[in-house]
Every structure is written in C-alpha cells, then in structure tokens.
Amino acid sequence: MTVLITDAEYKNALAITRALGRKGLTVYTAGKKNTAQTFYSKYSEKHFVYSHPQRKPEQFKKEILAIVKRNEIEVLMPVGIGPCTLISQEKEKLEKFTKVPLATYDVFQRVHNKEEVNRMAVKNNIPAPLTIAPKNIQELKKGLKKFQFPVVIKARKGSSTRQVRYAKSKDEALTIWKEFTKQGKDDKTGIIDRSQPLIQEYLPGEIIDVVFIFNKGEPRGVVSQRRELTFPVSGGSGALNRTVFEPKVIQNAIKLLKAFKWHGVGMAEFKRDKNGVAKIIEVNPKFWGTTECAISAGMNFPHMLYELAVNGDTKPHFRFLNNKPFGWPIPMGMNTALNSKYPLKVLFKYLRLLGYAYSTDIALLDDPKPFAIQLQNMSKIILQKFSPKNFLRKLKGKNT
C-alpha cells in the first residue's frame, strides 16, 4: 500500500501526504529540491529528488518510471500541472508497473486547454465569459471591439498566476498578446502554451471553486468553496478559503466535467459577473492548491482517489461541512498581509481561524517539522520585502 506523491514543495502535496498517512498508507514523496517541506513530514517515509519537469521533461519521465519500478509503487499521484501533464502522457507505459488515477492524455489536454473549456461550456449552456482566441493581430484588433476594458489575457494552458495578465487599454492588450505569443513558441511539453493567448471578459465578482473527483465521467464527490483571501491580493491562489454551498454552480461544474468524461480529481473555477452570475473561467485538471480546505470539511479527496485507483471506484460522497474556513498563514498569509492595503485586517482574519478546529495547516503537535521550512520561507519573504534594494525601488517609482 505505497503511494508516491509528486511536487513535495507545494502545500497541497503536504496535505495529501498527511491525509493518506493518517489512513495508514505508506507514502513516498518526490520533488525538485531537497528542501521541499513535505520531505520533512513524519508521514513521508521516503523521498526522492527529480529533474525539473518543464526544463528536462524527458529526464523527469525516466526518473519517475525508475522510482516507480525500484520501489514497487502501488499508486502514483501527481500533484502539480507539470508532473500531471507529463505523467498523463506516459500513463500507458507507467500503468504496466503502477496505478495512475489520471485521465488519458487526449482528455487531459482538452480540459487543460482554456479555449476548449470555454467552448464546451457554451455548447452545454453553462454561463461563461466572452472569450476569443485570435490567430493574428488583425483578428485581435477586430475582436477587441467586442470588449469593455479591462480585459483578461491568458495562456491557453498553464495554471499559475504568471499565465494571466490584465490590460486596461487596446494598446496594452496588443503589447501583452504579442509578449505571450512570442513566449509560447518556446514550450514543447504541453505544460504551458502561450501561443494564441485568449482574450476574456473581465469579471469583477468573487471566485467560487468547485473541487471534484470523477470516475470515468461520473461524479463521486464535490465541494464548493469561496476564496476570501488570495495571493496575489488582486486575484490569485486561495490564501484563506471557506466552504460554501452553491448548488447551481456545483450543478454546472458536474455538467461540464461529465461532458468531458473526466476521470480523477480537479477544480473548476467560477467567477461572478457584475450581475452576480457565476461563470466558468477554467478547469485545473489536478489537485488544487487549497486541497486541505476540502479535507478539513470532511471530504478526503486523496483517499477517495486512492480507492478509485486500487478498487476501480470510490463510494460517492457529496456531503461536506458548510461555512468551514481554512487558511495557510505561514508563509502565504504573511505574504498576503504584506502586500495588502489593510494588513491588520488580513491578520485579524487569520486570528479568527483559531476559533475553529482544524482550520490551518500548522500541525505542531502531530507533524511539526514542515513548520520549520514554512518559517524559513516566511523569513525570506520578510527580508525581501523590507530589503534596502526593494525600498529604493519603491522610492524611485514614487519619484518618477
């Protein structure tokens, strides 16, 4: 009963490792650096360092296969978008030696493609923002006439905030589009694709995520959650989330993933327009960064995915604790506070979490060692924020 978890640097990898370890499974972890926080968890029985998935994709594939074969891994669970993409490509080869609860690559790459998700949503009458994918400058200039500014410009593939930019004018949109298009020619792995970036209607409302697990197109579990604090603060990954019961949004997410015949876990991101309508923005075909929020609300997605891999299915489970908050105060919350206009207000929100059981990822009594890495990362953020170099840069910006 050995499970291998990738991306040991990430907070969701730590959450997955703990969730499976507490169920009595043997968990091995793998990541890009020896300092990965999950390596220090008491639930990580052995760990491995692999090559950077995006910089050395073929080497990464060879190393993952070797780890699986040498250590008789029963289930391989990739976490980040890089390993998920490459392992999905190698799914058939890997499944000769282990179980890989991922969609086949033809389905995976469709769900990973934001233009394809938007097209499928429109086809199935699911609310979606106005989106175009111009092939050239002429199409871009013509298409921009349909939009009000600001607009969102995003890579068609990729899950980090670096793949999303905002343009306040036509000229700025043209500049960003050209930058993305030029960068898009460099990546051949299928992990990130900035070629023919999308132009999308900007939605000003709150973000609602529907996180899920499917078995060959059939839902086995869902949780809806709201991002109350994000980093970047203008709109990014959840730094403090709260579960919310959003039946209509859940219904639309299930409808979309059924249309794709999805298999495995993932997250559908919705955002409200000015009229309060939640529209599908994109789907992340992987474990989401805020996985532990769903776990804390009673939905153990990692163990359900393990059961799906080993038994071929998992018992459907759709009940979760509503209004359950969960935050990541160190270093993510600290970073959010330092970059907010109202840092004390942010810190107060984290202090309020103390009134709830299991509301942060700080497990000092049960699994304390990863906390040392988190503190180290927080120290780096504070030193960088208040460094003389950063201060002079801000001062120069004010004077220009």
Protein backbone atom coordinates (compact mmCIF):
# COMPACT_ATOMS: atom_id res chain seq x y z
CA MET A 1 0.00 0.00 0.00
CA THR A 2 2.62 2.50 -1.15
CA VAL A 3 1.66 5.83 -2.74
CA LEU A 4 4.08 8.23 -4.46
CA ILE A 5 3.22 11.96 -4.27
CA THR A 6 4.98 14.48 -6.53
CA ASP A 7 5.60 18.23 -6.06
CA ALA A 8 6.66 17.93 -2.44
CA GLU A 9 7.34 21.70 -2.37
CA TYR A 10 3.63 22.52 -2.54
CA LYS A 11 1.18 22.93 0.33
CA ASN A 12 -1.34 20.61 -1.32
CA ALA A 13 1.30 17.85 -1.57
CA LEU A 14 1.82 18.17 2.19
CA ALA A 15 -1.95 17.97 2.76
CA ILE A 16 -2.25 14.88 0.54
CA THR A 17 0.67 13.17 2.26
CA ARG A 18 -0.81 13.77 5.70
CA ALA A 19 -4.31 12.70 4.62
CA LEU A 20 -3.06 9.38 3.24
CA GLY A 21 -0.54 8.79 6.04
CA ARG A 22 -3.24 9.23 8.67
CA LYS A 23 -5.18 6.48 6.89
CA GLY A 24 -2.28 4.11 7.47
CA LEU A 25 -0.88 4.13 3.94
CA THR A 26 2.85 4.21 3.23
CA VAL A 27 3.59 7.49 1.49
CA TYR A 28 6.72 8.32 -0.52
CA THR A 29 7.23 11.87 -1.76
CA ALA A 30 9.18 13.41 -4.62
CA GLY A 31 10.08 16.96 -5.58
CA LYS A 32 12.55 19.28 -7.28
CA LYS A 33 14.55 20.31 -4.20
CA ASN A 34 15.94 18.67 -1.07
CA THR A 35 14.36 21.46 0.98
CA ALA A 36 10.78 20.54 -0.03
CA GLN A 37 8.60 20.89 3.08
CA THR A 38 6.76 17.58 2.56
CA PHE A 39 10.06 15.66 2.78
CA TYR A 40 10.14 16.61 6.48
CA SER A 41 6.66 15.34 7.28
CA LYS A 42 6.56 12.29 9.54
CA TYR A 43 4.14 10.79 7.04
CA SER A 44 6.75 10.85 4.25
CA GLU A 45 8.53 7.52 4.73
CA LYS A 46 11.00 8.03 1.89
CA HIS A 47 11.66 10.84 -0.56
CA PHE A 48 13.26 11.41 -3.96
CA VAL A 49 14.54 14.42 -5.91
CA TYR A 50 13.76 14.54 -9.63
CA SER A 51 14.66 16.80 -12.56
CA HIS A 52 12.62 19.92 -13.27
CA PRO A 53 9.56 18.71 -15.24
CA GLN A 54 9.42 21.69 -17.58
CA ARG A 55 13.16 22.17 -18.15
CA LYS A 56 14.02 18.49 -18.51
CA PRO A 57 10.74 16.70 -19.31
CA GLU A 58 12.23 13.54 -20.80
CA GLN A 59 14.65 13.13 -17.90
CA PHE A 60 11.77 13.65 -15.47
CA LYS A 61 9.75 10.89 -17.17
CA LYS A 62 12.67 8.45 -16.96
CA GLU A 63 13.26 9.24 -13.29
CA ILE A 64 9.60 8.81 -12.31
CA LEU A 65 9.46 5.45 -14.11
CA ALA A 66 12.66 4.33 -12.35
CA ILE A 67 11.33 5.37 -8.92
CA VAL A 68 8.07 3.51 -9.54
CA LYS A 69 9.83 0.32 -10.66
CA ARG A 70 12.54 0.27 -7.97
CA ASN A 71 10.17 0.96 -5.08
CA GLU A 72 7.14 -1.08 -6.17
CA ILE A 73 4.83 1.93 -6.01
CA GLU A 74 1.19 0.87 -5.90
CA VAL A 75 -0.37 4.25 -6.79
CA LEU A 76 1.27 7.27 -8.43
CA MET A 77 -0.44 10.60 -7.61
CA PRO A 78 0.97 13.62 -9.44
CA VAL A 79 0.08 16.98 -7.92
CA GLY A 80 1.37 19.96 -9.96
CA ILE A 81 0.43 20.75 -13.54
CA GLY A 82 3.90 19.83 -14.85
CA PRO A 83 4.04 16.28 -13.45
CA CYS A 84 0.32 15.77 -14.18
CA THR A 85 0.84 16.67 -17.85
CA LEU A 86 3.94 14.53 -18.35
CA ILE A 87 2.64 11.55 -16.37
CA SER A 88 -0.63 11.68 -18.30
CA GLN A 89 1.43 11.46 -21.49
CA GLU A 90 3.19 8.37 -20.08
CA LYS A 91 0.10 6.85 -18.46
CA GLU A 92 0.03 3.69 -20.59
CA LYS A 93 3.72 2.94 -20.00
CA LEU A 94 3.54 3.66 -16.26
CA GLU A 95 0.44 1.56 -15.72
CA LYS A 96 2.43 -1.57 -16.50
CA PHE A 97 4.03 -1.04 -13.08
CA THR A 98 1.64 1.12 -11.03
CA LYS A 99 -1.85 2.60 -10.95
CA VAL A 100 -2.24 6.16 -12.23
CA PRO A 101 -5.63 7.73 -11.39
CA LEU A 102 -5.41 10.35 -14.14
CA ALA A 103 -7.40 10.98 -17.29
CA THR A 104 -5.91 9.77 -20.57
CA TYR A 105 -3.82 12.44 -22.25
CA ASP A 106 -6.34 13.16 -25.01
CA VAL A 107 -8.95 14.07 -22.35
CA PHE A 108 -6.40 15.73 -20.05
CA GLN A 109 -5.08 18.13 -22.67
CA ARG A 110 -8.62 19.14 -23.70
CA VAL A 111 -9.58 20.02 -20.12
CA HIS A 112 -6.23 21.78 -19.66
CA ASN A 113 -6.98 23.97 -22.69
CA LYS A 114 -8.94 27.06 -21.55
CA GLU A 115 -10.33 27.72 -25.02
CA GLU A 116 -11.69 24.15 -25.17
CA VAL A 117 -13.29 24.54 -21.72
CA ASN A 118 -14.96 27.79 -22.78
CA ARG A 119 -16.22 26.17 -25.99
CA MET A 120 -17.61 23.14 -24.13
CA ALA A 121 -19.32 25.41 -21.58
CA VAL A 122 -21.05 27.45 -24.29
CA LYS A 123 -22.11 24.24 -26.08
CA ASN A 124 -23.72 22.94 -22.86
CA ASN A 125 -25.42 26.24 -21.90
CA ILE A 126 -23.13 26.81 -18.91
CA PRO A 127 -22.52 30.52 -18.16
CA ALA A 128 -19.09 31.57 -19.47
CA PRO A 129 -17.35 34.89 -20.07
CA LEU A 130 -17.00 36.29 -23.59
CA THR A 131 -13.77 34.74 -24.90
CA ILE A 132 -11.84 34.93 -28.18
CA ALA A 133 -8.62 33.27 -29.35
CA PRO A 134 -7.29 35.49 -32.18
CA LYS A 135 -4.80 33.87 -34.56
CA ASN A 136 -3.14 37.12 -35.61
CA ILE A 137 -3.01 40.86 -34.94
CA GLN A 138 -5.81 41.60 -37.39
CA GLU A 139 -8.17 39.19 -35.61
CA LEU A 140 -7.10 40.61 -32.26
CA LYS A 141 -7.83 44.22 -33.24
CA LYS A 142 -11.21 43.24 -34.65
CA GLY A 143 -12.07 41.05 -31.64
CA LEU A 144 -11.19 43.72 -29.06
CA LYS A 145 -14.10 45.83 -30.33
CA LYS A 146 -16.45 43.34 -28.63
CA PHE A 147 -14.99 44.02 -25.15
CA GLN A 148 -15.07 46.67 -22.49
CA PHE A 149 -11.80 47.28 -20.65
CA PRO A 150 -10.12 45.96 -18.62
CA VAL A 151 -9.79 42.58 -20.32
CA VAL A 152 -8.06 39.39 -19.19
CA ILE A 153 -5.29 37.92 -21.35
CA LYS A 154 -4.27 34.38 -20.50
CA ALA A 155 -2.27 31.45 -21.78
CA ARG A 156 -4.44 28.67 -23.19
CA LYS A 157 -2.55 26.18 -20.99
CA GLY A 158 -0.91 26.70 -17.61
CA SER A 159 -2.22 27.02 -14.06
CA SER A 160 -0.05 29.68 -12.38
CA THR A 161 -0.89 33.37 -12.00
CA ARG A 162 2.09 34.14 -14.28
CA GLN A 163 -0.03 32.93 -17.20
CA VAL A 164 -2.67 35.63 -16.62
CA ARG A 165 -2.35 39.37 -17.34
CA TYR A 166 -4.79 42.29 -17.36
CA ALA A 167 -4.99 45.05 -19.97
CA LYS A 168 -6.65 48.40 -19.33
CA SER A 169 -6.49 49.62 -22.93
CA LYS A 170 -6.30 48.40 -26.53
CA ASP A 171 -2.59 49.25 -26.79
CA GLU A 172 -1.78 47.39 -23.58
CA ALA A 173 -3.75 44.37 -24.81
CA LEU A 174 -1.79 44.33 -28.07
CA THR A 175 1.54 44.51 -26.21
CA ILE A 176 0.70 41.68 -23.77
CA TRP A 177 -0.73 39.49 -26.55
CA LYS A 178 2.49 39.87 -28.56
CA GLU A 179 4.62 39.03 -25.50
CA PHE A 180 2.61 35.89 -24.76
CA THR A 181 2.65 34.76 -28.40
CA LYS A 182 6.42 35.11 -28.58
CA GLN A 183 6.94 33.16 -25.35
CA GLY A 184 4.53 30.44 -26.46
CA LYS A 185 6.89 29.16 -29.14
CA ASP A 186 9.44 28.04 -26.53
CA ASP A 187 7.44 25.38 -24.71
CA LYS A 188 7.04 21.94 -26.35
CA THR A 189 5.98 19.89 -23.33
CA GLY A 190 2.25 20.63 -23.29
CA ILE A 191 2.58 22.09 -19.77
CA ILE A 192 2.33 25.76 -20.75
CA ASP A 193 1.05 27.15 -24.04
CA ARG A 194 1.08 30.92 -24.54
CA SER A 195 0.64 30.72 -28.32
CA GLN A 196 -2.64 32.28 -29.47
CA PRO A 197 -3.46 33.57 -25.96
CA LEU A 198 -7.10 34.09 -25.04
CA ILE A 199 -8.81 37.45 -24.58
CA GLN A 200 -11.52 37.13 -21.97
CA GLU A 201 -14.18 39.34 -20.45
CA TYR A 202 -13.14 40.66 -17.03
CA LEU A 203 -15.46 39.57 -14.23
CA PRO A 204 -15.37 41.72 -11.05
CA GLY A 205 -17.03 39.36 -8.56
CA GLU A 206 -15.97 36.70 -6.08
CA ILE A 207 -14.28 33.44 -7.06
CA ILE A 208 -16.12 30.17 -6.36
CA ASP A 209 -14.18 26.94 -6.84
CA VAL A 210 -15.86 23.59 -7.31
CA VAL A 211 -13.41 20.80 -6.49
CA PHE A 212 -14.28 17.29 -7.54
CA ILE A 213 -13.46 13.65 -8.16
CA PHE A 214 -14.91 11.72 -11.11
CA ASN A 215 -14.84 8.10 -12.18
CA LYS A 216 -14.87 7.87 -15.99
CA GLY A 217 -17.30 10.73 -16.41
CA GLU A 218 -19.40 10.08 -13.29
CA PRO A 219 -19.11 12.35 -10.21
CA ARG A 220 -18.05 10.77 -6.93
CA GLY A 221 -17.58 13.86 -4.77
CA VAL A 222 -17.73 17.68 -4.92
CA VAL A 223 -17.10 20.64 -2.63
CA SER A 224 -17.70 24.31 -3.43
CA GLN A 225 -15.53 26.91 -1.72
CA ARG A 226 -15.03 30.69 -1.81
CA ARG A 227 -11.65 32.42 -1.88
CA GLU A 228 -11.79 35.00 0.90
CA LEU A 229 -8.12 35.99 0.65
CA THR A 230 -5.82 35.40 -2.29
CA PHE A 231 -2.22 35.86 -3.29
CA PRO A 232 -1.58 37.89 -5.34
CA VAL A 233 -4.13 40.01 -3.48
CA SER A 234 -5.61 41.27 -6.78
CA GLY A 235 -6.81 37.73 -7.50
CA GLY A 236 -4.73 34.58 -7.33
CA SER A 237 -4.45 31.32 -5.42
CA GLY A 238 -6.56 30.94 -2.30
CA ALA A 239 -4.75 32.02 0.89
CA LEU A 240 -7.88 31.70 3.04
CA ASN A 241 -10.91 29.78 1.76
CA ARG A 242 -14.34 28.95 3.10
CA THR A 243 -16.65 26.15 2.05
CA VAL A 244 -19.99 27.42 0.72
CA PHE A 245 -23.00 25.50 -0.56
CA GLU A 246 -23.57 26.65 -4.15
CA PRO A 247 -25.93 24.09 -5.74
CA LYS A 248 -26.27 25.85 -9.12
CA VAL A 249 -22.52 26.28 -9.51
CA ILE A 250 -21.94 22.66 -8.47
CA GLN A 251 -24.56 21.53 -10.98
CA ASN A 252 -22.83 23.44 -13.79
CA ALA A 253 -19.41 22.06 -12.85
CA ILE A 254 -20.72 18.47 -12.88
CA LYS A 255 -22.42 19.07 -16.22
CA LEU A 256 -19.18 20.36 -17.73
CA LEU A 257 -16.96 17.54 -16.43
CA LYS A 258 -19.47 14.89 -17.47
CA ALA A 259 -19.32 16.32 -20.99
CA PHE A 260 -15.54 15.80 -20.97
CA LYS A 261 -15.92 12.30 -19.45
CA TRP A 262 -13.37 13.36 -16.85
CA HIS A 263 -11.52 10.88 -14.65
CA GLY A 264 -9.74 11.80 -11.41
CA VAL A 265 -9.62 14.98 -9.34
CA GLY A 266 -9.65 18.62 -10.38
CA MET A 267 -11.02 22.11 -9.79
CA ALA A 268 -13.47 24.20 -11.82
CA GLU A 269 -13.02 27.93 -11.23
CA PHE A 270 -16.06 30.19 -11.46
CA LYS A 271 -16.21 33.96 -11.05
CA ARG A 272 -19.26 36.20 -10.68
CA ASP A 273 -20.03 38.91 -13.21
CA LYS A 274 -21.48 42.32 -12.29
CA ASN A 275 -24.95 40.76 -12.09
CA GLY A 276 -23.84 38.01 -9.70
CA VAL A 277 -23.90 35.20 -12.28
CA ALA A 278 -21.12 32.66 -11.66
CA LYS A 279 -19.32 31.98 -14.96
CA ILE A 280 -16.80 29.22 -15.64
CA ILE A 281 -13.28 30.63 -16.01
CA GLU A 282 -11.18 27.49 -16.39
CA VAL A 283 -10.60 23.97 -15.11
CA ASN A 284 -7.41 22.87 -13.39
CA PRO A 285 -7.05 19.14 -14.14
CA LYS A 286 -5.09 18.36 -10.99
CA PHE A 287 -5.09 18.59 -7.20
CA TRP A 288 -5.82 22.25 -6.40
CA GLY A 289 -3.69 24.38 -4.08
CA THR A 290 -6.42 24.58 -1.43
CA THR A 291 -6.95 20.80 -1.19
CA GLU A 292 -6.75 20.87 2.60
CA CYS A 293 -9.80 23.13 2.87
CA ALA A 294 -11.95 20.34 1.40
CA ILE A 295 -10.26 17.73 3.62
CA SER A 296 -10.98 19.82 6.72
CA ALA A 297 -14.65 19.96 5.66
CA GLY A 298 -14.90 16.16 5.68
CA MET A 299 -14.07 15.33 2.07
CA ASN A 300 -10.85 13.29 1.94
CA PHE A 301 -10.23 13.55 -1.79
CA PRO A 302 -6.72 12.00 -1.61
CA HIS A 303 -8.05 8.81 -0.01
CA MET A 304 -11.02 8.71 -2.37
CA LEU A 305 -8.57 8.94 -5.29
CA TYR A 306 -6.52 6.11 -3.77
CA GLU A 307 -9.66 3.95 -3.55
CA LEU A 308 -10.54 4.85 -7.11
CA ALA A 309 -7.10 3.71 -8.28
CA VAL A 310 -6.94 0.48 -6.27
CA ASN A 311 -10.58 -0.64 -6.30
CA GLY A 312 -11.74 0.87 -9.57
CA ASP A 313 -14.25 3.11 -7.78
CA THR A 314 -14.92 5.01 -4.56
CA LYS A 315 -18.15 5.46 -2.64
CA PRO A 316 -19.99 8.63 -3.77
CA HIS A 317 -19.74 11.33 -1.10
CA PHE A 318 -21.37 14.74 -1.57
CA ARG A 319 -21.90 15.98 1.99
CA PHE A 320 -19.40 18.44 3.43
CA LEU A 321 -19.25 20.94 6.28
CA ASN A 322 -20.70 24.22 5.06
CA ASN A 323 -19.14 27.55 6.11
CA LYS A 324 -15.88 25.84 7.13
CA PRO A 325 -12.87 28.21 6.85
CA PHE A 326 -9.29 27.13 6.25
CA GLY A 327 -6.16 29.25 5.83
CA TRP A 328 -2.44 28.99 5.20
CA PRO A 329 -0.96 31.69 7.48
CA ILE A 330 2.76 30.91 7.01
CA PRO A 331 4.16 31.98 4.63
CA MET A 332 1.19 32.56 2.32
CA GLY A 333 -0.94 34.55 4.76
CA MET A 334 2.03 36.69 5.77
CA ASN A 335 2.77 37.37 2.10
CA THR A 336 -0.87 38.35 1.58
CA ALA A 337 -0.78 40.72 4.57
CA LEU A 338 2.48 42.35 3.49
CA ASN A 339 1.06 43.09 0.03
CA SER A 340 -2.39 44.21 1.18
CA LYS A 341 -3.59 47.79 1.68
CA TYR A 342 -5.03 46.65 5.01
CA PRO A 343 -2.52 44.22 6.56
CA LEU A 344 -4.07 44.32 10.04
CA LYS A 345 -7.45 43.36 8.61
CA VAL A 346 -5.83 40.37 6.89
CA LEU A 347 -4.05 39.29 10.06
CA PHE A 348 -7.29 39.56 12.04
CA LYS A 349 -8.97 37.16 9.59
CA TYR A 350 -6.26 34.60 10.28
CA LEU A 351 -6.56 35.12 14.04
CA ARG A 352 -10.27 34.34 13.80
CA LEU A 353 -9.38 30.89 12.46
CA LEU A 354 -8.24 29.98 15.98
CA GLY A 355 -11.91 29.62 16.89
CA TYR A 356 -12.33 26.66 14.53
CA ALA A 357 -10.97 23.14 14.82
CA TYR A 358 -8.53 22.14 12.06
CA SER A 359 -8.51 25.49 10.32
CA THR A 360 -4.83 25.90 9.31
CA ASP A 361 -2.07 23.65 8.00
CA ILE A 362 0.12 24.27 11.08
CA ALA A 363 0.30 20.82 12.72
CA LEU A 364 2.74 21.49 15.56
CA LEU A 365 1.59 18.62 17.77
CA ASP A 366 1.04 16.00 15.08
CA ASP A 367 3.59 16.80 12.37
CA PRO A 368 5.81 19.75 13.36
CA LYS A 369 8.88 19.54 11.10
CA PRO A 370 7.35 21.08 7.92
CA PHE A 371 6.61 24.17 10.03
CA ALA A 372 10.35 24.90 10.24
CA ILE A 373 10.52 25.09 6.43
CA GLN A 374 7.44 27.32 6.40
CA LEU A 375 9.09 29.69 8.89
CA GLN A 376 12.24 29.74 6.81
CA ASN A 377 10.23 30.67 3.72
CA MET A 378 8.41 33.39 5.67
CA SER A 379 11.72 34.87 6.83
CA LYS A 380 12.91 35.10 3.21
CA ILE A 381 9.70 36.91 2.22
CA ILE A 382 10.02 39.45 5.06
CA LEU A 383 13.71 40.10 4.37
CA GLN A 384 12.99 40.60 0.69
CA LYS A 385 10.02 42.87 1.37
CA PHE A 386 11.98 45.17 3.67
CA SER A 387 15.36 44.98 1.95
CA PRO A 388 17.13 48.31 1.13
CA LYS A 389 17.05 47.35 -2.56
CA ASN A 390 13.26 46.96 -2.52
CA PHE A 391 12.86 50.22 -0.58
CA LEU A 392 14.96 52.15 -3.12
CA ARG A 393 12.97 50.65 -5.98
CA LYS A 394 9.71 51.85 -4.43
CA LEU A 395 11.17 55.27 -3.72
CA LYS A 396 12.34 55.58 -7.31
CA GLY A 397 8.88 54.60 -8.52
CA LYS A 398 7.26 57.36 -6.46
CA ASN A 399 9.66 59.97 -7.81
CA THR A 400 9.11 59.14 -11.49
